Amino acid sequence: MGHYPAIREFVQDNAPSVKNLDVTYTQGAPPLLFMKDAEGAVLEEVNIANWKVRSCCCVSIRGRCAP
């Protein structure tokens, strides 16, 4: 996550307080946000490589990270 300081900051500082958020690291993969239903099926995949910390926090506040 060295190339994505805003994502790294969100994961370190804010992600632990977001209900139903799972963070998985895949070396060499771009940062993606997967929206899933209650059964775990992916509903939407969002590339968040260009997001700023504020964008990440807005998603978590709105509860869009998980149902």
C-alpha atoms as a PDB file:
ATOM      1  CA  MET A   1       0.000   0.000   0.000  1.00  0.00           C
ATOM      2  CA  GLY A   2       3.013   2.252  -0.219  1.00  0.00           C
ATOM      3  CA  HIS A   3       1.742   3.732  -3.477  1.00  0.00           C
ATOM      4  CA  TYR A   4      -1.612   4.602  -1.901  1.00  0.00           C
ATOM      5  CA  PRO A   5      -0.983   6.708   1.232  1.00  0.00           C
ATOM      6  CA  ALA A   6      -4.642   7.741   1.623  1.00  0.00           C
ATOM      7  CA  ILE A   7      -5.797   4.114   1.501  1.00  0.00           C
ATOM      8  CA  ARG A   8      -3.067   3.095   3.959  1.00  0.00           C
ATOM      9  CA  GLU A   9      -4.088   5.898   6.338  1.00  0.00           C
ATOM     10  CA  PHE A  10      -7.742   4.863   6.186  1.00  0.00           C
ATOM     11  CA  VAL A  11      -6.926   1.188   6.802  1.00  0.00           C
ATOM     12  CA  GLN A  12      -4.663   1.996   9.752  1.00  0.00           C
ATOM     13  CA  ASP A  13      -6.735   4.728  11.389  1.00  0.00           C
ATOM     14  CA  ASN A  14     -10.393   4.271  10.435  1.00  0.00           C
ATOM     15  CA  ALA A  15     -11.042   0.757   9.145  1.00  0.00           C
ATOM     16  CA  PRO A  16     -11.036  -0.917  12.579  1.00  0.00           C
ATOM     17  CA  SER A  17     -14.111   1.103  13.551  1.00  0.00           C
ATOM     18  CA  VAL A  18     -16.116   0.208  10.402  1.00  0.00           C
ATOM     19  CA  LYS A  19     -18.621  -2.562  11.044  1.00  0.00           C
ATOM     20  CA  ASN A  20     -18.459  -5.526   8.627  1.00  0.00           C
ATOM     21  CA  LEU A  21     -15.336  -4.291   6.845  1.00  0.00           C
ATOM     22  CA  ASP A  22     -12.742  -6.905   5.957  1.00  0.00           C
ATOM     23  CA  VAL A  23      -9.356  -5.768   4.650  1.00  0.00           C
ATOM     24  CA  THR A  24      -7.389  -8.209   2.502  1.00  0.00           C
ATOM     25  CA  TYR A  25      -3.975  -7.506   0.998  1.00  0.00           C
ATOM     26  CA  THR A  26      -3.056  -8.931  -2.412  1.00  0.00           C
ATOM     27  CA  GLN A  27       0.473  -8.008  -3.439  1.00  0.00           C
ATOM     28  CA  GLY A  28       0.571  -6.188  -6.774  1.00  0.00           C
ATOM     29  CA  ALA A  29      -3.213  -5.757  -7.007  1.00  0.00           C
ATOM     30  CA  PRO A  30      -4.819  -2.300  -7.156  1.00  0.00           C
ATOM     31  CA  PRO A  31      -6.929  -1.292  -4.140  1.00  0.00           C
ATOM     32  CA  LEU A  32     -10.516  -2.359  -4.723  1.00  0.00           C
ATOM     33  CA  LEU A  33     -13.682  -2.064  -2.672  1.00  0.00           C
ATOM     34  CA  PHE A  34     -16.096  -4.973  -3.015  1.00  0.00           C
ATOM     35  CA  MET A  35     -19.725  -4.365  -2.079  1.00  0.00           C
ATOM     36  CA  LYS A  36     -21.281  -7.675  -1.011  1.00  0.00           C
ATOM     37  CA  ASP A  37     -24.744  -8.854  -0.092  1.00  0.00           C
ATOM     38  CA  ALA A  38     -25.620 -10.725   3.109  1.00  0.00           C
ATOM     39  CA  GLU A  39     -24.548 -14.036   1.543  1.00  0.00           C
ATOM     40  CA  GLY A  40     -21.168 -12.643   0.496  1.00  0.00           C
ATOM     41  CA  ALA A  41     -21.846 -12.405  -3.236  1.00  0.00           C
ATOM     42  CA  VAL A  42     -20.094  -9.431  -4.870  1.00  0.00           C
ATOM     43  CA  LEU A  43     -22.635  -6.828  -6.011  1.00  0.00           C
ATOM     44  CA  GLU A  44     -20.214  -4.129  -7.089  1.00  0.00           C
ATOM     45  CA  GLU A  45     -16.450  -3.696  -7.467  1.00  0.00           C
ATOM     46  CA  VAL A  46     -15.020  -0.173  -7.115  1.00  0.00           C
ATOM     47  CA  ASN A  47     -11.437   0.845  -7.933  1.00  0.00           C
ATOM     48  CA  ILE A  48     -10.371   3.139  -5.083  1.00  0.00           C
ATOM     49  CA  ALA A  49      -6.770   3.789  -6.178  1.00  0.00           C
ATOM     50  CA  ASN A  50      -7.391   7.531  -6.632  1.00  0.00           C
ATOM     51  CA  TRP A  51      -9.499   8.065  -3.534  1.00  0.00           C
ATOM     52  CA  LYS A  52      -8.453  10.468  -0.831  1.00  0.00           C
ATOM     53  CA  VAL A  53      -8.931   9.735   2.891  1.00  0.00           C
ATOM     54  CA  ARG A  54     -12.101  11.816   2.926  1.00  0.00           C
ATOM     55  CA  SER A  55     -13.650   9.607   0.204  1.00  0.00           C
ATOM     56  CA  CYS A  56     -12.897   6.492   2.227  1.00  0.00           C
ATOM     57  CA  CYS A  57     -14.376   7.972   5.376  1.00  0.00           C
ATOM     58  CA  CYS A  58     -17.545   9.050   3.558  1.00  0.00           C
ATOM     59  CA  VAL A  59     -18.134   5.486   2.426  1.00  0.00           C
ATOM     60  CA  SER A  60     -17.650   4.114   5.927  1.00  0.00           C
ATOM     61  CA  ILE A  61     -19.918   6.738   7.485  1.00  0.00           C
ATOM     62  CA  ARG A  62     -22.672   5.974   5.000  1.00  0.00           C
ATOM     63  CA  GLY A  63     -22.335   2.293   5.801  1.00  0.00           C
ATOM     64  CA  ARG A  64     -21.769   1.300   2.199  1.00  0.00           C
ATOM     65  CA  CYS A  65     -18.863  -0.985   3.050  1.00  0.00           C
ATOM     66  CA  ALA A  66     -21.201  -3.795   4.007  1.00  0.00           C
ATOM     67  CA  PRO A  67     -24.902  -4.336   4.482  1.00  0.00           C
END
